[in-house]
C-alpha atoms as a PDB file:
ATOM      1  CA  MET A   1     -20.687  -7.088 -18.631  1.00  0.00           C
ATOM      2  CA  GLY A   2     -18.250  -9.774 -19.336  1.00  0.00           C
ATOM      3  CA  THR A   3     -16.429 -11.290 -16.096  1.00  0.00           C
ATOM      4  CA  HIS A   4     -13.366 -11.814 -15.105  1.00  0.00           C
ATOM      5  CA  ALA A   5     -11.059 -14.825 -13.655  1.00  0.00           C
ATOM      6  CA  GLU A   6      -7.445 -15.861 -13.235  1.00  0.00           C
ATOM      7  CA  SER A   7      -6.661 -19.705 -12.482  1.00  0.00           C
ATOM      8  CA  PRO A   8      -5.251 -19.956 -10.675  1.00  0.00           C
ATOM      9  CA  HIS A   9      -5.565 -17.364  -8.865  1.00  0.00           C
ATOM     10  CA  SER A  10      -2.987 -14.437  -8.335  1.00  0.00           C
ATOM     11  CA  ARG A  11      -1.929 -13.718  -5.226  1.00  0.00           C
ATOM     12  CA  THR A  12      -1.137  -9.889  -3.695  1.00  0.00           C
ATOM     13  CA  ARG A  13       0.968  -8.646  -1.745  1.00  0.00           C
ATOM     14  CA  ARG A  14       1.362  -4.675  -0.136  1.00  0.00           C
ATOM     15  CA  LEU A  15       4.346  -3.615   1.505  1.00  0.00           C
ATOM     16  CA  ILE A  16       4.096   0.235   3.198  1.00  0.00           C
ATOM     17  CA  THR A  17       7.903   0.904   3.913  1.00  0.00           C
ATOM     18  CA  ASN A  18      10.249   4.037   4.265  1.00  0.00           C
ATOM     19  CA  VAL A  19       8.033   5.568   6.884  1.00  0.00           C
ATOM     20  CA  ARG A  20       9.321   9.018   8.445  1.00  0.00           C
ATOM     21  CA  ILE A  21       8.119  12.047  10.194  1.00  0.00           C
ATOM     22  CA  THR A  22       7.606  14.805   8.471  1.00  0.00           C
ATOM     23  CA  ASP A  23       6.405  17.151  11.116  1.00  0.00           C
ATOM     24  CA  ARG A  24       3.975  17.201  13.865  1.00  0.00           C
ATOM     25  CA  ASP A  25       2.490  19.368  16.669  1.00  0.00           C
ATOM     26  CA  GLU A  26      -0.090  18.856  19.186  1.00  0.00           C
ATOM     27  CA  GLN A  27      -3.042  16.914  17.804  1.00  0.00           C
ATOM     28  CA  TYR A  28      -0.997  15.342  14.838  1.00  0.00           C
ATOM     29  CA  VAL A  29       2.006  14.185  13.640  1.00  0.00           C
ATOM     30  CA  PHE A  30       2.309  13.964   9.331  1.00  0.00           C
ATOM     31  CA  LEU A  31       4.801  11.696   7.435  1.00  0.00           C
ATOM     32  CA  SER A  32       5.364  10.098   4.399  1.00  0.00           C
ATOM     33  CA  ALA A  33       5.986   6.913   3.159  1.00  0.00           C
ATOM     34  CA  ASN A  34       6.235   4.052  -0.225  1.00  0.00           C
ATOM     35  CA  PHE A  35       3.678   2.138  -0.324  1.00  0.00           C
ATOM     36  CA  ILE A  36       3.478  -0.846  -3.397  1.00  0.00           C
ATOM     37  CA  VAL A  37       1.370  -3.263  -4.409  1.00  0.00           C
ATOM     38  CA  MET A  38       2.413  -6.145  -6.043  1.00  0.00           C
ATOM     39  CA  ARG A  39       0.488  -9.010  -7.755  1.00  0.00           C
ATOM     40  CA  TYR A  40       1.896 -12.568  -8.944  1.00  0.00           C
END
């Protein structure tokens, strides 16, 4: 198989935003969130 290389190396950023509690019970908390990955 081939190999992959970048020059210069790319950077990666991960963001988790808008975290909201949607439900809960005695043991768990349920939530929703937005997730984005950016490579530059």
